């Protein structure tokens, strides 16, 4: 584990210890108040209970936000580091035509598209959450535009790889307090691939099975 992530681990341990403490403390305080007064718990004791629970709630909300809900800011170089990679696609021979990408549609009201493609010596699978086929005049698709790309880089790939490549952008969490609090340092924040083909005829689409 990266040393920065010990911040988050320590925070969760402290939070659990605090939860155990306030359960014990509230119970002890209530028993003491009842024994002392001989009747119901005074309002002042209840207010202390609420204050301790509020601190627990805020601390839990902060850790949940840092761990799972914090949005990724691709422009913040202190939060994430951006890298790009690309590989040429290998043409495959089908029954009716040759193709670079095979698409299989999942079931459901909003089905996920599953992509299969080949590079030199390897076969890959991806889905429409993390990739998109680009077959138009411009390599950058509307969904891919949400990620940081260099148009010059993609244009150069179009020329050198004959518009048949997979280009991937990867965002990786940088060392820092908030990333450490979420135990993200060193892990991949997000990844998206453009599956570039010359035109739609180089995409093999498999229909949904009955």
N, C-alpha and C. Protein backbone atom coordinates (compact mmCIF):
# COMPACT_ATOMS: atom_id res chain seq x y z
N UNK A 1 0.84 -1.20 0.00
CA UNK A 1 0.00 0.00 0.00
C UNK A 1 0.88 1.25 0.00
N UNK A 2 0.49 2.24 -0.82
CA UNK A 2 1.20 3.51 -0.83
C UNK A 2 1.08 4.18 0.53
N UNK A 3 2.16 4.80 0.97
CA UNK A 3 2.18 5.42 2.31
C UNK A 3 1.10 6.48 2.46
N UNK A 4 0.79 7.19 1.36
CA UNK A 4 -0.25 8.22 1.43
C UNK A 4 -1.61 7.62 1.79
N UNK A 5 -1.86 6.40 1.35
CA UNK A 5 -3.16 5.77 1.61
C UNK A 5 -3.34 5.39 3.07
N UNK A 6 -2.26 5.43 3.84
CA UNK A 6 -2.37 5.17 5.28
C UNK A 6 -3.18 6.27 5.97
N UNK A 7 -3.25 7.45 5.33
CA UNK A 7 -4.09 8.53 5.88
C UNK A 7 -5.54 8.07 5.93
N UNK A 8 -6.02 7.53 4.81
CA UNK A 8 -7.41 7.07 4.76
C UNK A 8 -7.64 5.88 5.66
N UNK A 9 -6.70 4.94 5.68
CA UNK A 9 -6.84 3.77 6.54
C UNK A 9 -6.91 4.18 8.01
N UNK A 10 -6.05 5.10 8.40
CA UNK A 10 -6.05 5.59 9.78
C UNK A 10 -7.35 6.31 10.10
N UNK A 11 -7.86 7.08 9.13
CA UNK A 11 -9.11 7.82 9.35
C UNK A 11 -10.28 6.87 9.59
N UNK A 12 -10.34 5.78 8.83
CA UNK A 12 -11.42 4.80 9.02
C UNK A 12 -11.29 4.09 10.36
N UNK A 13 -10.07 3.77 10.77
CA UNK A 13 -9.85 3.13 12.07
C UNK A 13 -10.29 4.06 13.19
N UNK A 14 -9.92 5.34 13.08
CA UNK A 14 -10.32 6.33 14.09
C UNK A 14 -11.84 6.48 14.12
N UNK A 15 -12.47 6.48 12.93
CA UNK A 15 -13.92 6.63 12.86
C UNK A 15 -14.63 5.46 13.55
N UNK A 16 -14.16 4.25 13.29
CA UNK A 16 -14.76 3.07 13.92
C UNK A 16 -14.56 3.12 15.44
N UNK A 17 -13.35 3.53 15.85
CA UNK A 17 -13.08 3.64 17.29
C UNK A 17 -13.98 4.71 17.92
N UNK A 18 -14.19 5.81 17.20
CA UNK A 18 -15.06 6.88 17.71
C UNK A 18 -16.50 6.40 17.83
N UNK A 19 -16.96 5.62 16.85
CA UNK A 19 -18.31 5.07 16.90
C UNK A 19 -18.49 4.19 18.14
N UNK A 20 -17.52 3.31 18.39
CA UNK A 20 -17.59 2.45 19.57
C UNK A 20 -17.57 3.29 20.84
N UNK A 21 -16.75 4.35 20.83
CA UNK A 21 -16.65 5.22 22.00
C UNK A 21 -17.97 5.92 22.31
N UNK A 22 -18.61 6.50 21.28
CA UNK A 22 -19.84 7.26 21.57
C UNK A 22 -20.98 6.33 21.99
N UNK A 23 -21.01 5.12 21.45
CA UNK A 23 -22.03 4.16 21.90
C UNK A 23 -21.84 3.88 23.39
N UNK A 24 -20.59 3.62 23.76
CA UNK A 24 -20.29 3.37 25.18
C UNK A 24 -20.54 4.62 26.02
N UNK A 25 -20.14 5.78 25.51
CA UNK A 25 -20.24 7.03 26.26
C UNK A 25 -21.69 7.44 26.46
N UNK A 26 -22.50 7.31 25.41
CA UNK A 26 -23.92 7.66 25.52
C UNK A 26 -24.61 6.77 26.55
N UNK A 27 -24.35 5.47 26.44
CA UNK A 27 -24.97 4.54 27.40
C UNK A 27 -24.55 4.86 28.83
N UNK A 28 -23.27 5.10 29.03
CA UNK A 28 -22.76 5.42 30.37
C UNK A 28 -23.36 6.72 30.89
N UNK A 29 -23.44 7.71 30.02
CA UNK A 29 -23.97 9.01 30.43
C UNK A 29 -25.45 8.91 30.80
N UNK A 30 -26.20 8.13 30.01
CA UNK A 30 -27.63 7.99 30.28
C UNK A 30 -27.87 7.27 31.61
N UNK A 31 -27.12 6.20 31.84
CA UNK A 31 -27.28 5.46 33.10
C UNK A 31 -26.95 6.36 34.29
N UNK A 32 -25.88 7.13 34.17
CA UNK A 32 -25.46 8.02 35.24
C UNK A 32 -26.51 9.09 35.50
N UNK A 33 -27.11 9.64 34.41
CA UNK A 33 -28.12 10.68 34.57
C UNK A 33 -29.38 10.14 35.23
N UNK A 34 -29.79 8.93 34.84
CA UNK A 34 -31.00 8.33 35.41
C UNK A 34 -30.79 8.00 36.89
N UNK A 35 -29.63 7.45 37.22
CA UNK A 35 -29.33 7.12 38.62
C UNK A 35 -29.29 8.38 39.47
N UNK A 36 -28.72 9.43 38.91
CA UNK A 36 -28.57 10.67 39.66
C UNK A 36 -29.89 11.39 39.86
N UNK A 37 -30.71 11.48 38.79
CA UNK A 37 -31.95 12.24 38.86
C UNK A 37 -33.16 11.38 39.24
N UNK A 38 -33.07 10.08 38.97
CA UNK A 38 -34.18 9.20 39.28
C UNK A 38 -35.35 9.33 38.33
N UNK A 39 -35.12 10.03 37.24
CA UNK A 39 -36.20 10.15 36.25
C UNK A 39 -35.58 10.11 34.86
N UNK A 40 -36.29 10.65 33.84
CA UNK A 40 -35.82 10.59 32.46
C UNK A 40 -34.55 11.40 32.26
N UNK A 41 -33.89 11.13 31.13
CA UNK A 41 -32.62 11.78 30.81
C UNK A 41 -32.84 13.26 30.54
N UNK A 42 -32.05 14.15 31.17
CA UNK A 42 -32.21 15.59 30.95
C UNK A 42 -31.91 15.99 29.50
N UNK A 43 -32.47 17.13 29.10
CA UNK A 43 -32.28 17.64 27.74
C UNK A 43 -30.81 17.95 27.46
N UNK A 44 -30.08 18.40 28.47
CA UNK A 44 -28.66 18.74 28.27
C UNK A 44 -27.85 17.51 27.87
N UNK A 45 -28.20 16.35 28.44
CA UNK A 45 -27.51 15.11 28.09
C UNK A 45 -27.85 14.70 26.67
N UNK A 46 -29.11 14.87 26.29
CA UNK A 46 -29.53 14.54 24.93
C UNK A 46 -28.81 15.42 23.91
N UNK A 47 -28.62 16.70 24.25
CA UNK A 47 -27.91 17.61 23.34
C UNK A 47 -26.47 17.17 23.13
N UNK A 48 -25.83 16.69 24.19
CA UNK A 48 -24.46 16.17 24.05
C UNK A 48 -24.45 14.94 23.16
N UNK A 49 -25.47 14.08 23.33
CA UNK A 49 -25.60 12.89 22.47
C UNK A 49 -25.70 13.30 21.00
N UNK A 50 -26.57 14.28 20.74
CA UNK A 50 -26.78 14.72 19.36
C UNK A 50 -25.51 15.33 18.77
N UNK A 51 -24.76 16.05 19.60
CA UNK A 51 -23.51 16.66 19.12
C UNK A 51 -22.50 15.58 18.73
N UNK A 52 -22.38 14.54 19.55
CA UNK A 52 -21.45 13.45 19.24
C UNK A 52 -21.87 12.69 17.98
N UNK A 53 -23.17 12.46 17.84
CA UNK A 53 -23.67 11.76 16.65
C UNK A 53 -23.48 12.62 15.41
N UNK A 54 -23.66 13.95 15.54
CA UNK A 54 -23.46 14.85 14.40
C UNK A 54 -22.01 14.82 13.93
N UNK A 55 -21.07 14.80 14.87
CA UNK A 55 -19.65 14.70 14.51
C UNK A 55 -19.39 13.39 13.77
N UNK A 56 -19.97 12.30 14.27
CA UNK A 56 -19.81 11.00 13.61
C UNK A 56 -20.38 11.03 12.19
N UNK A 57 -21.55 11.63 12.03
CA UNK A 57 -22.19 11.71 10.71
C UNK A 57 -21.35 12.52 9.74
N UNK A 58 -20.87 13.68 10.19
CA UNK A 58 -20.07 14.54 9.31
C UNK A 58 -18.75 13.87 8.92
N UNK A 59 -18.12 13.20 9.87
CA UNK A 59 -16.87 12.51 9.58
C UNK A 59 -17.09 11.37 8.60
N UNK A 60 -18.19 10.62 8.79
CA UNK A 60 -18.51 9.53 7.88
C UNK A 60 -18.80 10.05 6.48
N UNK A 61 -19.59 11.13 6.41
CA UNK A 61 -19.92 11.73 5.11
C UNK A 61 -18.66 12.20 4.39
N UNK A 62 -17.72 12.79 5.14
CA UNK A 62 -16.48 13.25 4.54
C UNK A 62 -15.64 12.11 3.99
N UNK A 63 -15.55 11.02 4.72
CA UNK A 63 -14.77 9.87 4.25
C UNK A 63 -15.44 9.19 3.07
N UNK A 64 -16.76 9.09 3.09
CA UNK A 64 -17.49 8.50 1.96
C UNK A 64 -17.29 9.35 0.71
N UNK A 65 -17.34 10.67 0.86
CA UNK A 65 -17.13 11.57 -0.28
C UNK A 65 -15.72 11.40 -0.84
N UNK A 66 -14.73 11.40 0.04
CA UNK A 66 -13.33 11.27 -0.41
C UNK A 66 -13.06 9.92 -1.04
N UNK A 67 -13.75 8.88 -0.58
CA UNK A 67 -13.48 7.52 -1.06
C UNK A 67 -14.23 7.17 -2.33
N UNK A 68 -15.50 7.64 -2.45
CA UNK A 68 -16.33 7.16 -3.56
C UNK A 68 -17.04 8.25 -4.37
N UNK A 69 -17.28 9.42 -3.80
CA UNK A 69 -18.12 10.41 -4.45
C UNK A 69 -17.36 11.61 -5.00
N UNK A 70 -16.10 11.75 -4.68
CA UNK A 70 -15.33 12.91 -5.13
C UNK A 70 -15.13 12.87 -6.64
N UNK A 71 -15.56 13.91 -7.36
CA UNK A 71 -15.41 13.91 -8.82
C UNK A 71 -13.95 14.05 -9.24
N UNK A 72 -13.65 13.57 -10.44
CA UNK A 72 -12.29 13.63 -10.97
C UNK A 72 -12.12 14.93 -11.74
N UNK A 73 -11.12 15.71 -11.38
CA UNK A 73 -10.80 16.94 -12.10
C UNK A 73 -9.58 16.68 -12.96
N UNK A 74 -9.82 16.46 -14.25
CA UNK A 74 -8.72 16.12 -15.15
C UNK A 74 -7.73 17.27 -15.35
N UNK A 75 -8.18 18.49 -15.06
CA UNK A 75 -7.31 19.65 -15.25
C UNK A 75 -6.40 19.90 -14.05
N UNK A 76 -6.66 19.23 -12.95
CA UNK A 76 -5.86 19.42 -11.74
C UNK A 76 -4.69 18.43 -11.75
N UNK A 77 -3.53 18.93 -12.12
CA UNK A 77 -2.35 18.05 -12.21
C UNK A 77 -1.88 17.57 -10.85
N UNK A 78 -2.34 18.23 -9.78
CA UNK A 78 -1.98 17.78 -8.44
C UNK A 78 -2.85 16.60 -7.99
N UNK A 79 -4.01 16.44 -8.64
CA UNK A 79 -4.94 15.36 -8.27
C UNK A 79 -4.70 14.11 -9.11
N UNK A 80 -4.54 14.29 -10.42
CA UNK A 80 -4.34 13.14 -11.31
C UNK A 80 -3.26 13.44 -12.33
N UNK A 81 -2.61 12.40 -12.79
CA UNK A 81 -1.66 12.52 -13.90
C UNK A 81 -2.27 11.84 -15.11
N UNK A 82 -2.17 12.47 -16.26
CA UNK A 82 -2.80 11.98 -17.49
C UNK A 82 -1.74 11.38 -18.40
N UNK A 83 -2.06 10.21 -18.95
CA UNK A 83 -1.16 9.58 -19.93
C UNK A 83 -1.98 9.06 -21.10
N UNK A 84 -1.35 9.00 -22.26
CA UNK A 84 -2.01 8.52 -23.48
C UNK A 84 -1.18 7.38 -24.07
N UNK A 85 -1.88 6.45 -24.67
CA UNK A 85 -1.21 5.34 -25.35
C UNK A 85 -2.04 4.96 -26.58
N UNK A 86 -1.40 4.30 -27.53
CA UNK A 86 -2.10 3.90 -28.75
C UNK A 86 -1.44 2.66 -29.34
N UNK A 87 -2.27 1.82 -29.96
CA UNK A 87 -1.79 0.62 -30.64
C UNK A 87 -2.58 0.44 -31.93
N UNK A 88 -1.92 0.01 -33.00
CA UNK A 88 -2.65 -0.26 -34.25
C UNK A 88 -3.58 -1.46 -34.08
N UNK A 89 -4.73 -1.40 -34.72
CA UNK A 89 -5.65 -2.53 -34.73
C UNK A 89 -5.27 -3.51 -35.83
N UNK A 90 -5.52 -4.78 -35.59
CA UNK A 90 -5.22 -5.83 -36.56
C UNK A 90 -6.51 -6.25 -37.24
N UNK A 91 -6.50 -6.24 -38.55
CA UNK A 91 -7.69 -6.59 -39.34
C UNK A 91 -8.01 -8.07 -39.19
N UNK A 92 -9.30 -8.36 -38.96
CA UNK A 92 -9.77 -9.73 -38.83
C UNK A 92 -10.63 -10.11 -40.04
N UNK A 93 -10.62 -11.37 -40.39
CA UNK A 93 -11.39 -11.85 -41.53
C UNK A 93 -12.69 -12.49 -41.04
N UNK A 94 -13.82 -11.95 -41.50
CA UNK A 94 -15.13 -12.48 -41.13
C UNK A 94 -15.76 -13.26 -42.26
N UNK A 95 -16.97 -13.77 -42.03
CA UNK A 95 -17.68 -14.54 -43.05
C UNK A 95 -18.09 -13.68 -44.24
N UNK A 96 -18.44 -12.42 -43.95
CA UNK A 96 -18.94 -11.53 -45.01
C UNK A 96 -17.95 -10.43 -45.36
N UNK A 97 -17.21 -9.96 -44.38
CA UNK A 97 -16.25 -8.88 -44.66
C UNK A 97 -15.21 -8.84 -43.55
N UNK A 98 -14.13 -8.13 -43.80
CA UNK A 98 -13.08 -7.97 -42.79
C UNK A 98 -13.45 -6.84 -41.83
N UNK A 99 -12.95 -6.92 -40.62
CA UNK A 99 -13.33 -5.92 -39.61
C UNK A 99 -12.20 -5.74 -38.60
N UNK A 100 -12.25 -4.59 -37.93
CA UNK A 100 -11.30 -4.30 -36.86
C UNK A 100 -11.91 -4.50 -35.47
N UNK A 101 -13.22 -4.22 -35.37
CA UNK A 101 -13.91 -4.28 -34.08
C UNK A 101 -15.18 -5.10 -34.21
N UNK A 102 -15.39 -6.00 -33.26
CA UNK A 102 -16.65 -6.75 -33.21
C UNK A 102 -17.48 -6.19 -32.05
N UNK A 103 -18.76 -5.94 -32.33
CA UNK A 103 -19.65 -5.34 -31.34
C UNK A 103 -20.76 -6.33 -31.00
N UNK A 104 -20.93 -6.57 -29.72
CA UNK A 104 -22.02 -7.43 -29.24
C UNK A 104 -22.88 -6.60 -28.30
N UNK A 105 -24.19 -6.61 -28.52
CA UNK A 105 -25.11 -5.82 -27.71
C UNK A 105 -25.67 -6.66 -26.57
N UNK A 106 -25.64 -6.09 -25.37
CA UNK A 106 -26.20 -6.76 -24.22
C UNK A 106 -27.71 -6.64 -24.18
N UNK A 107 -28.33 -7.27 -23.21
CA UNK A 107 -29.77 -7.23 -23.05
C UNK A 107 -30.18 -6.09 -22.12
N UNK A 108 -31.48 -5.82 -22.08
CA UNK A 108 -31.99 -4.80 -21.18
C UNK A 108 -32.51 -3.58 -21.91
N UNK A 109 -33.13 -2.68 -21.13
CA UNK A 109 -33.72 -1.47 -21.70
C UNK A 109 -32.66 -0.54 -22.26
N UNK A 110 -31.56 -0.41 -21.53
CA UNK A 110 -30.42 0.40 -21.99
C UNK A 110 -29.19 -0.51 -22.09
N UNK A 111 -29.13 -1.30 -23.15
CA UNK A 111 -28.08 -2.32 -23.23
C UNK A 111 -26.68 -1.73 -23.36
N UNK A 112 -25.73 -2.43 -22.78
CA UNK A 112 -24.32 -2.07 -22.89
C UNK A 112 -23.75 -2.71 -24.15
N UNK A 113 -22.91 -1.99 -24.85
CA UNK A 113 -22.22 -2.54 -26.01
C UNK A 113 -20.88 -3.13 -25.56
N UNK A 114 -20.60 -4.32 -26.04
CA UNK A 114 -19.34 -4.99 -25.71
C UNK A 114 -18.47 -5.05 -26.96
N UNK A 115 -17.25 -4.54 -26.84
CA UNK A 115 -16.34 -4.46 -27.97
C UNK A 115 -15.23 -5.51 -27.84
N UNK A 116 -14.91 -6.14 -28.96
CA UNK A 116 -13.74 -7.03 -29.04
C UNK A 116 -12.85 -6.52 -30.16
N UNK A 117 -11.57 -6.38 -29.88
CA UNK A 117 -10.64 -5.90 -30.90
C UNK A 117 -9.28 -6.55 -30.68
N UNK A 118 -8.46 -6.48 -31.71
CA UNK A 118 -7.17 -7.16 -31.70
C UNK A 118 -6.05 -6.18 -32.00
N UNK A 119 -4.95 -6.32 -31.27
CA UNK A 119 -3.72 -5.60 -31.58
C UNK A 119 -2.64 -6.65 -31.82
N UNK A 120 -1.43 -6.24 -32.02
CA UNK A 120 -0.34 -7.18 -32.31
C UNK A 120 -0.17 -8.18 -31.18
N UNK A 121 -0.56 -9.43 -31.45
CA UNK A 121 -0.36 -10.50 -30.48
C UNK A 121 -1.30 -10.52 -29.30
N UNK A 122 -2.39 -9.74 -29.34
CA UNK A 122 -3.29 -9.71 -28.19
C UNK A 122 -4.73 -9.44 -28.63
N UNK A 123 -5.66 -9.96 -27.83
CA UNK A 123 -7.08 -9.75 -28.03
C UNK A 123 -7.63 -9.04 -26.79
N UNK A 124 -8.44 -8.01 -27.02
CA UNK A 124 -8.96 -7.22 -25.91
C UNK A 124 -10.48 -7.16 -25.95
N UNK A 125 -11.06 -6.97 -24.78
CA UNK A 125 -12.50 -6.75 -24.68
C UNK A 125 -12.75 -5.51 -23.83
N UNK A 126 -13.74 -4.74 -24.24
CA UNK A 126 -14.09 -3.52 -23.52
C UNK A 126 -15.59 -3.32 -23.65
N UNK A 127 -16.12 -2.29 -23.02
CA UNK A 127 -17.55 -2.02 -23.15
C UNK A 127 -17.80 -0.54 -23.34
N UNK A 128 -19.05 -0.19 -23.59
CA UNK A 128 -19.39 1.19 -23.93
C UNK A 128 -19.30 2.14 -22.75
N UNK A 129 -19.06 1.64 -21.54
CA UNK A 129 -18.79 2.54 -20.42
C UNK A 129 -17.40 3.15 -20.54
N UNK A 130 -16.48 2.39 -21.12
CA UNK A 130 -15.08 2.81 -21.13
C UNK A 130 -14.48 2.95 -22.53
N UNK A 131 -15.31 2.84 -23.56
CA UNK A 131 -14.78 2.93 -24.92
C UNK A 131 -15.90 3.33 -25.88
N UNK A 132 -15.49 3.78 -27.06
CA UNK A 132 -16.46 4.13 -28.10
C UNK A 132 -15.79 3.98 -29.47
N UNK A 133 -16.57 3.51 -30.43
CA UNK A 133 -16.07 3.38 -31.80
C UNK A 133 -16.14 4.73 -32.49
N UNK A 134 -15.07 5.09 -33.17
CA UNK A 134 -15.02 6.33 -33.95
C UNK A 134 -14.80 5.98 -35.41
N UNK A 135 -15.78 6.33 -36.26
CA UNK A 135 -15.67 6.00 -37.68
C UNK A 135 -15.92 7.20 -38.58
N UNK A 136 -16.02 8.38 -37.98
CA UNK A 136 -16.30 9.58 -38.76
C UNK A 136 -15.04 10.27 -39.26
N UNK A 137 -15.24 11.48 -39.78
CA UNK A 137 -14.12 12.24 -40.32
C UNK A 137 -13.16 12.67 -39.21
N UNK A 138 -13.71 12.91 -38.01
CA UNK A 138 -12.89 13.31 -36.88
C UNK A 138 -12.74 12.15 -35.90
N UNK A 139 -11.55 11.91 -35.39
CA UNK A 139 -11.36 10.78 -34.46
C UNK A 139 -12.03 10.99 -33.10
N UNK A 140 -12.20 12.25 -32.71
CA UNK A 140 -12.76 12.55 -31.39
C UNK A 140 -14.28 12.45 -31.43
N UNK A 141 -14.84 11.59 -30.60
CA UNK A 141 -16.29 11.42 -30.51
C UNK A 141 -16.84 12.30 -29.38
N UNK A 142 -18.17 12.53 -29.36
CA UNK A 142 -18.74 13.35 -28.29
C UNK A 142 -18.43 12.84 -26.88
N UNK A 143 -18.50 11.54 -26.67
CA UNK A 143 -18.21 11.00 -25.34
C UNK A 143 -16.73 11.09 -25.01
N UNK A 144 -15.89 10.82 -25.99
CA UNK A 144 -14.45 10.89 -25.76
C UNK A 144 -14.00 12.32 -25.47
N UNK A 145 -14.76 13.30 -25.96
CA UNK A 145 -14.40 14.69 -25.76
C UNK A 145 -14.48 15.11 -24.29
N UNK A 146 -15.12 14.30 -23.46
CA UNK A 146 -15.19 14.59 -22.03
C UNK A 146 -13.85 14.34 -21.33
N UNK A 147 -12.91 13.74 -22.06
CA UNK A 147 -11.60 13.41 -21.50
C UNK A 147 -10.52 14.28 -22.16
N UNK A 148 -9.39 14.48 -21.51
CA UNK A 148 -8.34 15.32 -22.09
C UNK A 148 -7.57 14.61 -23.20
N UNK A 149 -7.69 15.15 -24.40
CA UNK A 149 -6.97 14.62 -25.57
C UNK A 149 -6.25 15.75 -26.28
N UNK A 150 -5.25 15.39 -27.03
CA UNK A 150 -4.60 16.33 -27.95
C UNK A 150 -5.12 16.03 -29.35
N UNK A 151 -5.77 17.00 -29.97
CA UNK A 151 -6.29 16.79 -31.32
C UNK A 151 -5.15 16.52 -32.30
N UNK A 152 -4.01 17.17 -32.08
CA UNK A 152 -2.86 16.94 -32.95
C UNK A 152 -2.37 15.50 -32.82
N UNK A 153 -2.39 14.99 -31.60
CA UNK A 153 -1.97 13.60 -31.34
C UNK A 153 -2.89 12.63 -32.09
N UNK A 154 -4.20 12.84 -32.00
CA UNK A 154 -5.15 11.95 -32.68
C UNK A 154 -5.05 12.09 -34.20
N UNK A 155 -4.82 13.31 -34.65
CA UNK A 155 -4.69 13.53 -36.09
C UNK A 155 -3.45 12.83 -36.64
N UNK A 156 -2.38 12.87 -35.85
CA UNK A 156 -1.15 12.19 -36.26
C UNK A 156 -1.35 10.67 -36.29
N UNK A 157 -2.12 10.15 -35.33
CA UNK A 157 -2.42 8.72 -35.33
C UNK A 157 -3.25 8.33 -36.56
N UNK A 158 -4.18 9.20 -36.94
CA UNK A 158 -4.97 8.94 -38.15
C UNK A 158 -4.07 8.74 -39.37
N UNK A 159 -3.00 9.53 -39.42
CA UNK A 159 -2.11 9.48 -40.57
C UNK A 159 -1.15 8.29 -40.50
N UNK A 160 -0.62 8.03 -39.32
CA UNK A 160 0.41 6.98 -39.19
C UNK A 160 -0.18 5.58 -39.07
N UNK A 161 -1.42 5.47 -38.56
CA UNK A 161 -2.02 4.14 -38.35
C UNK A 161 -3.18 3.88 -39.31
N UNK A 162 -3.31 4.72 -40.34
CA UNK A 162 -4.35 4.53 -41.36
C UNK A 162 -5.75 4.44 -40.75
N UNK A 163 -6.00 5.28 -39.77
CA UNK A 163 -7.32 5.34 -39.11
C UNK A 163 -7.77 3.98 -38.58
N UNK A 164 -6.84 3.19 -38.08
CA UNK A 164 -7.17 1.88 -37.50
C UNK A 164 -6.30 1.67 -36.26
N UNK A 165 -6.79 2.13 -35.12
CA UNK A 165 -6.01 2.05 -33.89
C UNK A 165 -6.93 2.16 -32.68
N UNK A 166 -6.40 1.82 -31.54
CA UNK A 166 -7.08 2.07 -30.27
C UNK A 166 -6.22 3.07 -29.50
N UNK A 167 -6.82 4.20 -29.15
CA UNK A 167 -6.13 5.24 -28.38
C UNK A 167 -6.77 5.29 -27.00
N UNK A 168 -5.95 5.28 -25.98
CA UNK A 168 -6.45 5.22 -24.60
C UNK A 168 -5.89 6.37 -23.78
N UNK A 169 -6.76 7.02 -23.02
CA UNK A 169 -6.34 8.03 -22.06
C UNK A 169 -6.55 7.44 -20.67
N UNK A 170 -5.55 7.60 -19.82
CA UNK A 170 -5.60 7.05 -18.46
C UNK A 170 -5.31 8.15 -17.46
N UNK A 171 -6.17 8.27 -16.45
CA UNK A 171 -5.96 9.21 -15.35
C UNK A 171 -5.61 8.41 -14.10
N UNK A 172 -4.48 8.74 -13.50
CA UNK A 172 -4.04 8.01 -12.30
C UNK A 172 -3.89 9.00 -11.14
N UNK A 173 -4.35 8.59 -9.96
CA UNK A 173 -4.33 9.47 -8.80
C UNK A 173 -2.90 9.77 -8.36
N UNK A 174 -2.66 11.05 -8.09
CA UNK A 174 -1.36 11.53 -7.63
C UNK A 174 -1.27 11.48 -6.10
N UNK A 175 -0.05 11.45 -5.55
CA UNK A 175 0.09 11.56 -4.10
C UNK A 175 -0.45 12.90 -3.60
N UNK A 176 -1.19 12.87 -2.52
CA UNK A 176 -1.77 14.07 -1.94
C UNK A 176 -2.70 13.70 -0.80
N UNK A 177 -3.08 14.71 0.00
CA UNK A 177 -3.88 14.43 1.20
C UNK A 177 -5.25 13.87 0.85
N UNK A 178 -6.00 14.55 -0.04
CA UNK A 178 -7.35 14.08 -0.35
C UNK A 178 -7.33 12.71 -1.02
N UNK A 179 -6.39 12.51 -1.94
CA UNK A 179 -6.28 11.19 -2.57
C UNK A 179 -5.89 10.12 -1.55
N UNK A 180 -5.03 10.50 -0.61
CA UNK A 180 -4.66 9.57 0.45
C UNK A 180 -5.82 9.28 1.37
N UNK A 181 -6.63 10.32 1.65
CA UNK A 181 -7.81 10.13 2.51
C UNK A 181 -8.79 9.16 1.88
N UNK A 182 -8.89 9.20 0.55
CA UNK A 182 -9.77 8.27 -0.15
C UNK A 182 -9.09 6.95 -0.49
N UNK A 183 -7.82 6.80 -0.09
CA UNK A 183 -7.01 5.60 -0.36
C UNK A 183 -6.93 5.31 -1.86
N UNK A 184 -6.72 6.39 -2.65
CA UNK A 184 -6.68 6.27 -4.11
C UNK A 184 -5.28 6.37 -4.70
N UNK A 185 -4.31 6.85 -3.95
CA UNK A 185 -2.99 7.17 -4.51
C UNK A 185 -2.39 5.94 -5.21
N UNK A 186 -1.98 6.16 -6.46
CA UNK A 186 -1.38 5.09 -7.25
C UNK A 186 -2.38 4.29 -8.06
N UNK A 187 -3.67 4.45 -7.77
CA UNK A 187 -4.70 3.69 -8.49
C UNK A 187 -5.19 4.48 -9.71
N UNK A 188 -5.80 3.77 -10.64
CA UNK A 188 -6.36 4.41 -11.83
C UNK A 188 -7.68 5.09 -11.47
N UNK A 189 -7.79 6.37 -11.80
CA UNK A 189 -9.02 7.12 -11.54
C UNK A 189 -10.05 6.87 -12.63
N UNK A 190 -9.60 6.83 -13.88
CA UNK A 190 -10.50 6.61 -15.00
C UNK A 190 -9.68 6.24 -16.23
N UNK A 191 -10.36 5.59 -17.17
CA UNK A 191 -9.69 5.20 -18.41
C UNK A 191 -10.75 5.15 -19.51
N UNK A 192 -10.39 5.66 -20.68
CA UNK A 192 -11.33 5.64 -21.81
C UNK A 192 -10.56 5.42 -23.10
N UNK A 193 -11.16 4.62 -23.99
CA UNK A 193 -10.49 4.28 -25.25
C UNK A 193 -11.33 4.68 -26.45
N UNK A 194 -10.66 5.17 -27.47
CA UNK A 194 -11.28 5.42 -28.78
C UNK A 194 -10.88 4.27 -29.70
N UNK A 195 -11.87 3.56 -30.21
CA UNK A 195 -11.62 2.48 -31.16
C UNK A 195 -11.81 3.06 -32.56
N UNK A 196 -10.72 3.45 -33.16
CA UNK A 196 -10.75 4.17 -34.43
C UNK A 196 -10.76 3.20 -35.60
N UNK A 197 -11.75 3.35 -36.49
CA UNK A 197 -11.83 2.55 -37.72
C UNK A 197 -12.07 3.50 -38.90
N UNK A 198 -11.65 3.11 -40.11
CA UNK A 198 -11.82 4.00 -41.27
C UNK A 198 -13.27 4.35 -41.55
N UNK A 199 -14.17 3.38 -41.44
CA UNK A 199 -15.60 3.62 -41.63
C UNK A 199 -16.39 2.47 -41.00
N UNK A 200 -17.72 2.58 -41.06
CA UNK A 200 -18.58 1.60 -40.38
C UNK A 200 -18.47 0.18 -40.93
N UNK A 201 -18.00 0.04 -42.16
CA UNK A 201 -17.92 -1.30 -42.74
C UNK A 201 -16.85 -2.15 -42.07
N UNK A 202 -15.97 -1.52 -41.30
CA UNK A 202 -14.92 -2.26 -40.59
C UNK A 202 -15.35 -2.62 -39.16
N UNK A 203 -16.66 -2.56 -38.91
CA UNK A 203 -17.21 -2.96 -37.62
C UNK A 203 -18.16 -4.13 -37.84
N UNK A 204 -17.91 -5.23 -37.16
CA UNK A 204 -18.77 -6.41 -37.24
C UNK A 204 -19.74 -6.37 -36.06
N UNK A 205 -21.04 -6.31 -36.36
CA UNK A 205 -22.06 -6.21 -35.32
C UNK A 205 -22.79 -7.53 -35.17
N UNK A 206 -22.73 -8.10 -33.98
CA UNK A 206 -23.45 -9.34 -33.69
C UNK A 206 -24.80 -9.01 -33.08
N UNK A 207 -25.90 -9.53 -33.62
CA UNK A 207 -27.22 -9.25 -33.05
C UNK A 207 -27.42 -9.94 -31.71
N UNK A 208 -28.41 -9.46 -30.97
CA UNK A 208 -28.74 -10.09 -29.70
C UNK A 208 -29.29 -11.48 -29.96
N UNK A 209 -28.82 -12.45 -29.19
CA UNK A 209 -29.28 -13.83 -29.37
C UNK A 209 -30.69 -14.00 -28.83
N UNK A 210 -31.49 -14.84 -29.48
CA UNK A 210 -32.87 -15.10 -29.04
C UNK A 210 -32.86 -15.88 -27.73
